[in-house]
Amino acid sequence: MSSDFETTPDHRCKVIALANQKGGVGKTTTAINLGTGLAAVGKKTLLIDIDPQGNASTGVGVPVSERERSTYNLLSGDCTLFDIVRTTEVPGLSLAPGTVDLSGIDVELVSDPKRSTRLKSALRPTSGPSIQEDFDYILIDCPPSLNLLTLNAMTAADAVLVPLQCEFFALEGLSQLLSTIERVKHSLNPSLVIQGVVLTMYDQRNNLSRQVEDDVREALGDLVYETVIPRNVRLSEAPSHSVPALIYDHLCAGSRAYQALAAELLSQEVNHASAD
C-alpha cells in the first residue's frame, strides 16, 4: 500500500484518510491518538481536520479562537496548506485545523467541476513545493458522513483507515462505506486502497463485542488490525483537557492500545515495502 507520491528518492509520505459515515465510532479519537503514537516514535505527522465539528483540532490543544485560517480557507482556494499548518504541543505532530465553516463547503463548491479534487491539489500541487516533503504521515480526519469533504479526503489519500465500533449494525454500515471507497477508486483515485479496519469501543466483558469482532474478522480477514481499541474512561476524558490520551494518561488501556496500533501500522508498512 505504498504512496504514489514520492518527494525524494529517500522520502515517501503516506496519506491516510480516517473515514466512517457513522458518528460516535471513535474516528477522531483514533486520528488524534494514532497521530500522536506515530509522532512519538519519530514519524513527522500532520493531522488534517476536515470535520466541521473541529474536534480533532480541539483534541490536540488548538481552540477555535486560534483558528484564524483553516481547512475551509484551503478548500475555498484562499490559501495553501503551508499557510494553515501549525505545530501542536505534541512533539512531531502538526495540525491543519478545521472549523464549522466547512459545513457549507458542499453548497459553495457545487458548480466547481474540480470540487472533489481540491484537497488532492493542495497536497500535490502541479508546481512548487509540496507539504508532503515535510512529513512521513498525513492523517485526514473526515466528517461522519459520505459528503464532499470525505470524497475530497479519499481522492487525496493513498489509503483509507476505517474505525469500526463493536456494535450490532457495524457490518451493515461498513458495506456502504466500502462501496463508496470502490466508487472513488474507479472514478477519482485508482491507487486508493483500504489501509485496514480497526475495531473500537471494544468491551471484552460483552458478548456482543466478541461476536462483532468474530463477524468482522470472518468477513474481512487480514484487513482487520489485530489491535483492538477498548472502551476506556481515560480516552473519553482526554478531549476535555485538550490533549491526546497518550499524553493525558499514557499508561491507560486506551493509550496502550493506540501505541500498539501505531506499531502495527508501521510494521504493516514495512511488510508492504518489502513485498514491493
C-alpha atoms as a PDB file:
ATOM      1  CA  MET A   1       0.000   0.000   0.000  1.00  0.00           C
ATOM      2  CA  SER A   2       2.741   2.413  -0.903  1.00  0.00           C
ATOM      3  CA  SER A   3       2.101   6.041  -1.754  1.00  0.00           C
ATOM      4  CA  ASP A   4       2.015   7.129  -5.385  1.00  0.00           C
ATOM      5  CA  PHE A   5       3.780  10.349  -4.427  1.00  0.00           C
ATOM      6  CA  GLU A   6       7.490  10.286  -3.717  1.00  0.00           C
ATOM      7  CA  THR A   7       9.068  13.565  -2.768  1.00  0.00           C
ATOM      8  CA  THR A   8      12.691  12.481  -2.940  1.00  0.00           C
ATOM      9  CA  PRO A   9      14.398   9.133  -3.563  1.00  0.00           C
ATOM     10  CA  ASP A  10      14.691   8.708   0.210  1.00  0.00           C
ATOM     11  CA  HIS A  11      11.400  10.114   1.426  1.00  0.00           C
ATOM     12  CA  ARG A  12       7.857   8.949   0.961  1.00  0.00           C
ATOM     13  CA  CYS A  13       4.830  10.391   2.720  1.00  0.00           C
ATOM     14  CA  LYS A  14       1.770   8.217   3.310  1.00  0.00           C
ATOM     15  CA  VAL A  15      -1.620   9.939   3.258  1.00  0.00           C
ATOM     16  CA  ILE A  16      -4.342   8.117   5.187  1.00  0.00           C
ATOM     17  CA  ALA A  17      -7.992   9.188   5.411  1.00  0.00           C
ATOM     18  CA  LEU A  18      -9.849   8.079   8.526  1.00  0.00           C
ATOM     19  CA  ALA A  19     -13.455   7.611   7.498  1.00  0.00           C
ATOM     20  CA  ASN A  20     -16.737   6.175   8.650  1.00  0.00           C
ATOM     21  CA  GLN A  21     -20.130   7.633   7.802  1.00  0.00           C
ATOM     22  CA  LYS A  22     -21.428   6.694  11.257  1.00  0.00           C
ATOM     23  CA  GLY A  23     -20.785   9.124  14.099  1.00  0.00           C
ATOM     24  CA  GLY A  24     -19.526   8.141  17.522  1.00  0.00           C
ATOM     25  CA  VAL A  25     -17.299   5.285  16.364  1.00  0.00           C
ATOM     26  CA  GLY A  26     -14.024   6.695  17.696  1.00  0.00           C
ATOM     27  CA  LYS A  27     -12.837   8.111  14.383  1.00  0.00           C
ATOM     28  CA  THR A  28     -11.490  11.413  15.710  1.00  0.00           C
ATOM     29  CA  THR A  29     -10.112   9.727  18.828  1.00  0.00           C
ATOM     30  CA  THR A  30      -8.255   7.346  16.516  1.00  0.00           C
ATOM     31  CA  ALA A  31      -6.952  10.168  14.325  1.00  0.00           C
ATOM     32  CA  ILE A  32      -5.631  12.095  17.341  1.00  0.00           C
ATOM     33  CA  ASN A  33      -4.048   9.192  19.164  1.00  0.00           C
ATOM     34  CA  LEU A  34      -2.721   7.318  16.152  1.00  0.00           C
ATOM     35  CA  GLY A  35      -1.109  10.565  15.037  1.00  0.00           C
ATOM     36  CA  THR A  36       0.365  11.040  18.490  1.00  0.00           C
ATOM     37  CA  GLY A  37       1.596   7.451  18.533  1.00  0.00           C
ATOM     38  CA  LEU A  38       3.317   7.862  15.178  1.00  0.00           C
ATOM     39  CA  ALA A  39       4.890  11.141  16.290  1.00  0.00           C
ATOM     40  CA  ALA A  40       6.082   9.503  19.499  1.00  0.00           C
ATOM     41  CA  VAL A  41       8.246   7.069  17.535  1.00  0.00           C
ATOM     42  CA  GLY A  42       9.790   9.799  15.430  1.00  0.00           C
ATOM     43  CA  LYS A  43       7.435   9.923  12.445  1.00  0.00           C
ATOM     44  CA  LYS A  44       6.692  13.507  11.460  1.00  0.00           C
ATOM     45  CA  THR A  45       2.921  13.549  11.270  1.00  0.00           C
ATOM     46  CA  LEU A  46       0.338  16.038  10.016  1.00  0.00           C
ATOM     47  CA  LEU A  47      -3.283  15.823  11.119  1.00  0.00           C
ATOM     48  CA  ILE A  48      -5.684  17.460   8.651  1.00  0.00           C
ATOM     49  CA  ASP A  49      -9.065  18.229  10.214  1.00  0.00           C
ATOM     50  CA  ILE A  50     -11.855  18.470   7.622  1.00  0.00           C
ATOM     51  CA  ASP A  51     -14.697  17.727  10.044  1.00  0.00           C
ATOM     52  CA  PRO A  52     -16.879  20.839  10.606  1.00  0.00           C
ATOM     53  CA  GLN A  53     -17.059  19.908  14.280  1.00  0.00           C
ATOM     54  CA  GLY A  54     -13.320  20.556  14.529  1.00  0.00           C
ATOM     55  CA  ASN A  55     -12.931  18.057  17.356  1.00  0.00           C
ATOM     56  CA  ALA A  56      -9.541  16.819  16.197  1.00  0.00           C
ATOM     57  CA  SER A  57      -8.236  20.384  16.395  1.00  0.00           C
ATOM     58  CA  THR A  58      -9.604  20.836  19.908  1.00  0.00           C
ATOM     59  CA  GLY A  59      -8.263  17.444  20.904  1.00  0.00           C
ATOM     60  CA  VAL A  60      -4.672  18.440  20.167  1.00  0.00           C
ATOM     61  CA  GLY A  61      -4.948  21.724  22.033  1.00  0.00           C
ATOM     62  CA  VAL A  62      -5.913  24.262  19.350  1.00  0.00           C
ATOM     63  CA  PRO A  63      -9.050  26.184  20.438  1.00  0.00           C
ATOM     64  CA  VAL A  64     -11.479  27.743  17.978  1.00  0.00           C
ATOM     65  CA  SER A  65     -10.159  31.212  18.842  1.00  0.00           C
ATOM     66  CA  GLU A  66      -6.755  30.270  17.414  1.00  0.00           C
ATOM     67  CA  ARG A  67      -8.041  29.021  14.040  1.00  0.00           C
ATOM     68  CA  GLU A  68      -7.905  32.248  12.050  1.00  0.00           C
ATOM     69  CA  ARG A  69      -7.488  30.225   8.862  1.00  0.00           C
ATOM     70  CA  SER A  70      -8.490  26.628   8.489  1.00  0.00           C
ATOM     71  CA  THR A  71      -9.107  23.827   6.020  1.00  0.00           C
ATOM     72  CA  TYR A  72     -12.213  25.759   4.995  1.00  0.00           C
ATOM     73  CA  ASN A  73      -9.982  28.523   3.622  1.00  0.00           C
ATOM     74  CA  LEU A  74      -7.817  25.875   1.983  1.00  0.00           C
ATOM     75  CA  LEU A  75     -10.717  24.180   0.185  1.00  0.00           C
ATOM     76  CA  SER A  76     -12.185  27.552  -0.737  1.00  0.00           C
ATOM     77  CA  GLY A  77      -8.942  28.349  -2.539  1.00  0.00           C
ATOM     78  CA  ASP A  78      -7.994  31.274  -0.280  1.00  0.00           C
ATOM     79  CA  CYS A  79      -4.685  29.834   0.927  1.00  0.00           C
ATOM     80  CA  THR A  80      -2.277  26.904   0.761  1.00  0.00           C
ATOM     81  CA  LEU A  81      -1.600  24.169   3.276  1.00  0.00           C
ATOM     82  CA  PHE A  82       1.610  25.924   4.207  1.00  0.00           C
ATOM     83  CA  ASP A  83      -0.491  28.911   5.301  1.00  0.00           C
ATOM     84  CA  ILE A  84      -2.619  26.971   7.793  1.00  0.00           C
ATOM     85  CA  VAL A  85      -0.413  24.169   9.133  1.00  0.00           C
ATOM     86  CA  ARG A  86       0.766  24.818  12.666  1.00  0.00           C
ATOM     87  CA  THR A  87       2.665  22.919  15.303  1.00  0.00           C
ATOM     88  CA  THR A  88       0.911  21.474  18.347  1.00  0.00           C
ATOM     89  CA  GLU A  89       2.068  20.802  21.874  1.00  0.00           C
ATOM     90  CA  VAL A  90       2.670  17.210  20.815  1.00  0.00           C
ATOM     91  CA  PRO A  91       6.269  16.982  19.568  1.00  0.00           C
ATOM     92  CA  GLY A  92       6.341  15.874  15.942  1.00  0.00           C
ATOM     93  CA  LEU A  93       2.587  16.364  15.395  1.00  0.00           C
ATOM     94  CA  SER A  94       1.319  19.274  13.284  1.00  0.00           C
ATOM     95  CA  LEU A  95      -2.237  20.310  12.517  1.00  0.00           C
ATOM     96  CA  ALA A  96      -4.261  21.821   9.690  1.00  0.00           C
ATOM     97  CA  PRO A  97      -7.262  22.912  11.785  1.00  0.00           C
ATOM     98  CA  GLY A  98     -10.924  22.605  10.894  1.00  0.00           C
ATOM     99  CA  THR A  99     -13.809  24.968  11.643  1.00  0.00           C
ATOM    100  CA  VAL A 100     -17.599  24.964  11.431  1.00  0.00           C
ATOM    101  CA  ASP A 101     -17.376  26.928   8.147  1.00  0.00           C
ATOM    102  CA  LEU A 102     -16.658  23.586   6.478  1.00  0.00           C
ATOM    103  CA  SER A 103     -20.337  22.671   6.851  1.00  0.00           C
ATOM    104  CA  GLY A 104     -21.191  24.934   3.925  1.00  0.00           C
ATOM    105  CA  ILE A 105     -18.465  23.828   1.532  1.00  0.00           C
ATOM    106  CA  ASP A 106     -20.742  21.437  -0.406  1.00  0.00           C
ATOM    107  CA  VAL A 107     -23.019  24.283  -1.427  1.00  0.00           C
ATOM    108  CA  GLU A 108     -20.212  26.750  -2.112  1.00  0.00           C
ATOM    109  CA  LEU A 109     -18.408  24.404  -4.494  1.00  0.00           C
ATOM    110  CA  VAL A 110     -21.451  22.858  -6.155  1.00  0.00           C
ATOM    111  CA  SER A 111     -20.683  24.464  -9.546  1.00  0.00           C
ATOM    112  CA  ASP A 112     -16.943  23.699  -9.477  1.00  0.00           C
ATOM    113  CA  PRO A 113     -16.133  20.730 -11.759  1.00  0.00           C
ATOM    114  CA  LYS A 114     -12.955  20.111  -9.744  1.00  0.00           C
ATOM    115  CA  ARG A 115     -14.650  20.270  -6.335  1.00  0.00           C
ATOM    116  CA  SER A 116     -13.730  16.654  -5.498  1.00  0.00           C
ATOM    117  CA  THR A 117     -10.001  17.150  -6.062  1.00  0.00           C
ATOM    118  CA  ARG A 118      -9.306  20.348  -4.149  1.00  0.00           C
ATOM    119  CA  LEU A 119      -7.566  18.637  -1.229  1.00  0.00           C
ATOM    120  CA  LYS A 120      -5.550  16.458  -3.605  1.00  0.00           C
ATOM    121  CA  SER A 121      -4.378  19.567  -5.456  1.00  0.00           C
ATOM    122  CA  ALA A 122      -3.375  21.145  -2.146  1.00  0.00           C
ATOM    123  CA  LEU A 123      -1.345  18.097  -1.148  1.00  0.00           C
ATOM    124  CA  ARG A 124       0.151  17.513  -4.585  1.00  0.00           C
ATOM    125  CA  PRO A 125       0.416  20.871  -6.369  1.00  0.00           C
ATOM    126  CA  THR A 126       1.416  20.779 -10.020  1.00  0.00           C
ATOM    127  CA  SER A 127       4.180  23.298  -9.338  1.00  0.00           C
ATOM    128  CA  GLY A 128       6.115  24.491  -6.327  1.00  0.00           C
ATOM    129  CA  PRO A 129       6.855  22.635  -3.083  1.00  0.00           C
ATOM    130  CA  SER A 130       4.501  20.089  -1.542  1.00  0.00           C
ATOM    131  CA  ILE A 131       3.761  19.913   2.176  1.00  0.00           C
ATOM    132  CA  GLN A 132       4.338  16.162   1.883  1.00  0.00           C
ATOM    133  CA  GLU A 133       8.054  16.789   1.745  1.00  0.00           C
ATOM    134  CA  ASP A 134       7.888  17.767   5.424  1.00  0.00           C
ATOM    135  CA  PHE A 135       6.036  14.718   6.765  1.00  0.00           C
ATOM    136  CA  ASP A 136       6.167  10.948   6.979  1.00  0.00           C
ATOM    137  CA  TYR A 137       2.428  10.530   7.574  1.00  0.00           C
ATOM    138  CA  ILE A 138      -0.601  12.688   6.893  1.00  0.00           C
ATOM    139  CA  LEU A 139      -3.844  11.668   8.598  1.00  0.00           C
ATOM    140  CA  ILE A 140      -7.122  13.191   7.401  1.00  0.00           C
ATOM    141  CA  ASP A 141      -9.957  13.232   9.927  1.00  0.00           C
ATOM    142  CA  CYS A 142     -13.193  13.088   7.923  1.00  0.00           C
ATOM    143  CA  PRO A 143     -16.711  14.088   8.980  1.00  0.00           C
ATOM    144  CA  PRO A 144     -19.183  11.323   9.914  1.00  0.00           C
ATOM    145  CA  SER A 145     -20.862  11.338   6.503  1.00  0.00           C
ATOM    146  CA  LEU A 146     -20.111  10.422   2.917  1.00  0.00           C
ATOM    147  CA  ASN A 147     -20.194  14.005   1.628  1.00  0.00           C
ATOM    148  CA  LEU A 148     -17.929  16.215  -0.491  1.00  0.00           C
ATOM    149  CA  LEU A 149     -15.410  16.577   2.346  1.00  0.00           C
ATOM    150  CA  THR A 150     -14.998  12.815   2.712  1.00  0.00           C
ATOM    151  CA  LEU A 151     -14.841  12.488  -1.063  1.00  0.00           C
ATOM    152  CA  ASN A 152     -12.009  15.041  -1.137  1.00  0.00           C
ATOM    153  CA  ALA A 153     -10.159  13.088   1.531  1.00  0.00           C
ATOM    154  CA  MET A 154     -10.476   9.778  -0.310  1.00  0.00           C
ATOM    155  CA  THR A 155      -9.429  11.364  -3.594  1.00  0.00           C
ATOM    156  CA  ALA A 156      -6.327  12.847  -1.951  1.00  0.00           C
ATOM    157  CA  ALA A 157      -5.386   9.796   0.124  1.00  0.00           C
ATOM    158  CA  ASP A 158      -3.254   6.778  -0.576  1.00  0.00           C
ATOM    159  CA  ALA A 159      -5.367   4.667   1.756  1.00  0.00           C
ATOM    160  CA  VAL A 160      -8.443   4.658   3.983  1.00  0.00           C
ATOM    161  CA  LEU A 161      -8.387   3.516   7.595  1.00  0.00           C
ATOM    162  CA  VAL A 162     -11.814   2.606   8.967  1.00  0.00           C
ATOM    163  CA  PRO A 163     -12.518   2.805  12.717  1.00  0.00           C
ATOM    164  CA  LEU A 164     -15.397   0.398  13.373  1.00  0.00           C
ATOM    165  CA  GLN A 165     -17.378   0.380  16.601  1.00  0.00           C
ATOM    166  CA  CYS A 166     -18.135  -3.020  18.061  1.00  0.00           C
ATOM    167  CA  GLU A 167     -21.913  -2.750  17.861  1.00  0.00           C
ATOM    168  CA  PHE A 168     -24.821  -4.542  16.197  1.00  0.00           C
ATOM    169  CA  PHE A 169     -25.058  -2.649  12.897  1.00  0.00           C
ATOM    170  CA  ALA A 170     -21.316  -2.364  12.351  1.00  0.00           C
ATOM    171  CA  LEU A 171     -21.082  -4.575   9.275  1.00  0.00           C
ATOM    172  CA  GLU A 172     -24.189  -3.061   7.694  1.00  0.00           C
ATOM    173  CA  GLY A 173     -22.692   0.435   7.769  1.00  0.00           C
ATOM    174  CA  LEU A 174     -19.296  -0.858   6.712  1.00  0.00           C
ATOM    175  CA  SER A 175     -20.626  -2.311   3.463  1.00  0.00           C
ATOM    176  CA  GLN A 176     -21.880   1.132   2.408  1.00  0.00           C
ATOM    177  CA  LEU A 177     -18.507   2.705   3.171  1.00  0.00           C
ATOM    178  CA  LEU A 178     -16.615   0.023   1.264  1.00  0.00           C
ATOM    179  CA  SER A 179     -18.885   0.583  -1.744  1.00  0.00           C
ATOM    180  CA  THR A 180     -18.065   4.298  -1.617  1.00  0.00           C
ATOM    181  CA  ILE A 181     -14.345   3.539  -1.481  1.00  0.00           C
ATOM    182  CA  GLU A 182     -14.696   1.342  -4.549  1.00  0.00           C
ATOM    183  CA  ARG A 183     -16.553   4.067  -6.452  1.00  0.00           C
ATOM    184  CA  VAL A 184     -13.850   6.597  -5.607  1.00  0.00           C
ATOM    185  CA  LYS A 185     -11.196   4.114  -6.677  1.00  0.00           C
ATOM    186  CA  HIS A 186     -12.824   3.581 -10.064  1.00  0.00           C
ATOM    187  CA  SER A 187     -13.693   7.200 -10.804  1.00  0.00           C
ATOM    188  CA  LEU A 188     -11.249   9.507  -8.995  1.00  0.00           C
ATOM    189  CA  ASN A 189      -8.342   7.700  -7.349  1.00  0.00           C
ATOM    190  CA  PRO A 190      -7.289   4.382  -8.923  1.00  0.00           C
ATOM    191  CA  SER A 191      -4.465   3.873  -6.411  1.00  0.00           C
ATOM    192  CA  LEU A 192      -6.717   4.111  -3.333  1.00  0.00           C
ATOM    193  CA  VAL A 193      -6.596   1.092  -1.036  1.00  0.00           C
ATOM    194  CA  ILE A 194      -8.005   0.131   2.338  1.00  0.00           C
ATOM    195  CA  GLN A 195      -5.272   0.555   4.925  1.00  0.00           C
ATOM    196  CA  GLY A 196      -7.255  -1.500   7.393  1.00  0.00           C
ATOM    197  CA  VAL A 197     -10.204  -1.698   9.767  1.00  0.00           C
ATOM    198  CA  VAL A 198      -9.633  -1.046  13.456  1.00  0.00           C
ATOM    199  CA  LEU A 199     -12.208  -2.231  15.987  1.00  0.00           C
ATOM    200  CA  THR A 200     -13.045   0.444  18.550  1.00  0.00           C
ATOM    201  CA  MET A 201     -15.024   0.693  21.794  1.00  0.00           C
ATOM    202  CA  TYR A 202     -14.405  -2.975  22.456  1.00  0.00           C
ATOM    203  CA  ASP A 203     -15.768  -4.344  25.738  1.00  0.00           C
ATOM    204  CA  GLN A 204     -14.305  -7.760  26.447  1.00  0.00           C
ATOM    205  CA  ARG A 205     -16.980  -8.371  29.091  1.00  0.00           C
ATOM    206  CA  ASN A 206     -19.647  -8.002  26.429  1.00  0.00           C
ATOM    207  CA  ASN A 207     -20.627 -10.980  24.282  1.00  0.00           C
ATOM    208  CA  LEU A 208     -21.749  -8.592  21.531  1.00  0.00           C
ATOM    209  CA  SER A 209     -18.250  -7.108  21.158  1.00  0.00           C
ATOM    210  CA  ARG A 210     -16.777 -10.562  20.759  1.00  0.00           C
ATOM    211  CA  GLN A 211     -19.465 -11.551  18.246  1.00  0.00           C
ATOM    212  CA  VAL A 212     -18.930  -8.398  16.179  1.00  0.00           C
ATOM    213  CA  GLU A 213     -15.175  -8.997  16.212  1.00  0.00           C
ATOM    214  CA  ASP A 214     -15.662 -12.582  15.010  1.00  0.00           C
ATOM    215  CA  ASP A 215     -18.044 -11.485  12.257  1.00  0.00           C
ATOM    216  CA  VAL A 216     -15.800  -8.674  11.029  1.00  0.00           C
ATOM    217  CA  ARG A 217     -12.683 -10.842  11.018  1.00  0.00           C
ATOM    218  CA  GLU A 218     -14.535 -13.601   9.180  1.00  0.00           C
ATOM    219  CA  ALA A 219     -15.806 -11.126   6.569  1.00  0.00           C
ATOM    220  CA  LEU A 220     -12.636  -9.063   6.059  1.00  0.00           C
ATOM    221  CA  GLY A 221      -9.779 -11.296   7.177  1.00  0.00           C
ATOM    222  CA  ASP A 222      -6.369  -9.629   7.164  1.00  0.00           C
ATOM    223  CA  LEU A 223      -7.845  -6.180   6.591  1.00  0.00           C
ATOM    224  CA  VAL A 224      -8.747  -6.097  10.283  1.00  0.00           C
ATOM    225  CA  TYR A 225      -5.972  -4.998  12.635  1.00  0.00           C
ATOM    226  CA  GLU A 226      -5.024  -7.372  15.418  1.00  0.00           C
ATOM    227  CA  THR A 227      -5.039  -4.406  17.803  1.00  0.00           C
ATOM    228  CA  VAL A 228      -8.475  -3.548  19.196  1.00  0.00           C
ATOM    229  CA  ILE A 229      -9.278  -0.304  20.993  1.00  0.00           C
ATOM    230  CA  PRO A 230     -11.120  -0.879  24.274  1.00  0.00           C
ATOM    231  CA  ARG A 231     -13.815   1.222  25.866  1.00  0.00           C
ATOM    232  CA  ASN A 232     -11.812   3.347  28.253  1.00  0.00           C
ATOM    233  CA  VAL A 233     -12.771   6.233  30.507  1.00  0.00           C
ATOM    234  CA  ARG A 234      -9.419   7.954  30.060  1.00  0.00           C
ATOM    235  CA  LEU A 235      -9.900   8.046  26.286  1.00  0.00           C
ATOM    236  CA  SER A 236     -13.206   9.832  26.870  1.00  0.00           C
ATOM    237  CA  GLU A 237     -11.740  12.259  29.412  1.00  0.00           C
ATOM    238  CA  ALA A 238      -8.707  13.370  27.407  1.00  0.00           C
ATOM    239  CA  PRO A 239     -10.548  15.659  24.907  1.00  0.00           C
ATOM    240  CA  SER A 240     -11.946  17.766  27.751  1.00  0.00           C
ATOM    241  CA  HIS A 241      -8.342  18.526  28.675  1.00  0.00           C
ATOM    242  CA  SER A 242      -7.452  19.316  25.035  1.00  0.00           C
ATOM    243  CA  VAL A 243      -4.698  16.711  24.910  1.00  0.00           C
ATOM    244  CA  PRO A 244      -4.407  13.258  23.309  1.00  0.00           C
ATOM    245  CA  ALA A 245      -4.986  10.340  25.638  1.00  0.00           C
ATOM    246  CA  LEU A 246      -1.369   9.287  25.081  1.00  0.00           C
ATOM    247  CA  ILE A 247      -0.339  12.468  26.874  1.00  0.00           C
ATOM    248  CA  TYR A 248      -3.227  12.647  29.347  1.00  0.00           C
ATOM    249  CA  ASP A 249      -2.509   9.120  30.626  1.00  0.00           C
ATOM    250  CA  HIS A 250      -0.016   7.168  28.580  1.00  0.00           C
ATOM    251  CA  LEU A 251      -0.416   4.077  30.768  1.00  0.00           C
ATOM    252  CA  CYS A 252      -4.186   3.661  30.473  1.00  0.00           C
ATOM    253  CA  ALA A 253      -5.568   0.763  28.451  1.00  0.00           C
ATOM    254  CA  GLY A 254      -6.709   3.047  25.630  1.00  0.00           C
ATOM    255  CA  SER A 255      -3.321   4.713  25.262  1.00  0.00           C
ATOM    256  CA  ARG A 256      -1.514   1.381  25.253  1.00  0.00           C
ATOM    257  CA  ALA A 257      -3.881   0.169  22.537  1.00  0.00           C
ATOM    258  CA  TYR A 258      -3.178   3.178  20.323  1.00  0.00           C
ATOM    259  CA  GLN A 259       0.551   2.732  20.821  1.00  0.00           C
ATOM    260  CA  ALA A 260       0.100  -0.868  19.698  1.00  0.00           C
ATOM    261  CA  LEU A 261      -1.962   0.260  16.703  1.00  0.00           C
ATOM    262  CA  ALA A 262       0.755   2.697  15.621  1.00  0.00           C
ATOM    263  CA  ALA A 263       3.345  -0.072  15.910  1.00  0.00           C
ATOM    264  CA  GLU A 264       1.152  -2.464  13.920  1.00  0.00           C
ATOM    265  CA  LEU A 265       0.599   0.117  11.181  1.00  0.00           C
ATOM    266  CA  LEU A 266       4.336   0.762  10.897  1.00  0.00           C
ATOM    267  CA  SER A 267       5.017  -2.964  10.756  1.00  0.00           C
ATOM    268  CA  GLN A 268       2.366  -3.248   8.040  1.00  0.00           C
ATOM    269  CA  GLU A 269       4.140  -0.548   6.042  1.00  0.00           C
ATOM    270  CA  VAL A 270       7.493  -2.308   6.355  1.00  0.00           C
ATOM    271  CA  ASN A 271       5.962  -5.591   5.193  1.00  0.00           C
ATOM    272  CA  HIS A 272       4.358  -3.966   2.172  1.00  0.00           C
ATOM    273  CA  ALA A 273       7.564  -2.151   1.291  1.00  0.00           C
ATOM    274  CA  SER A 274       9.413  -5.466   1.399  1.00  0.00           C
ATOM    275  CA  ALA A 275       6.770  -7.054  -0.818  1.00  0.00           C
ATOM    276  CA  ASP A 276       7.119  -4.218  -3.338  1.00  0.00           C
END
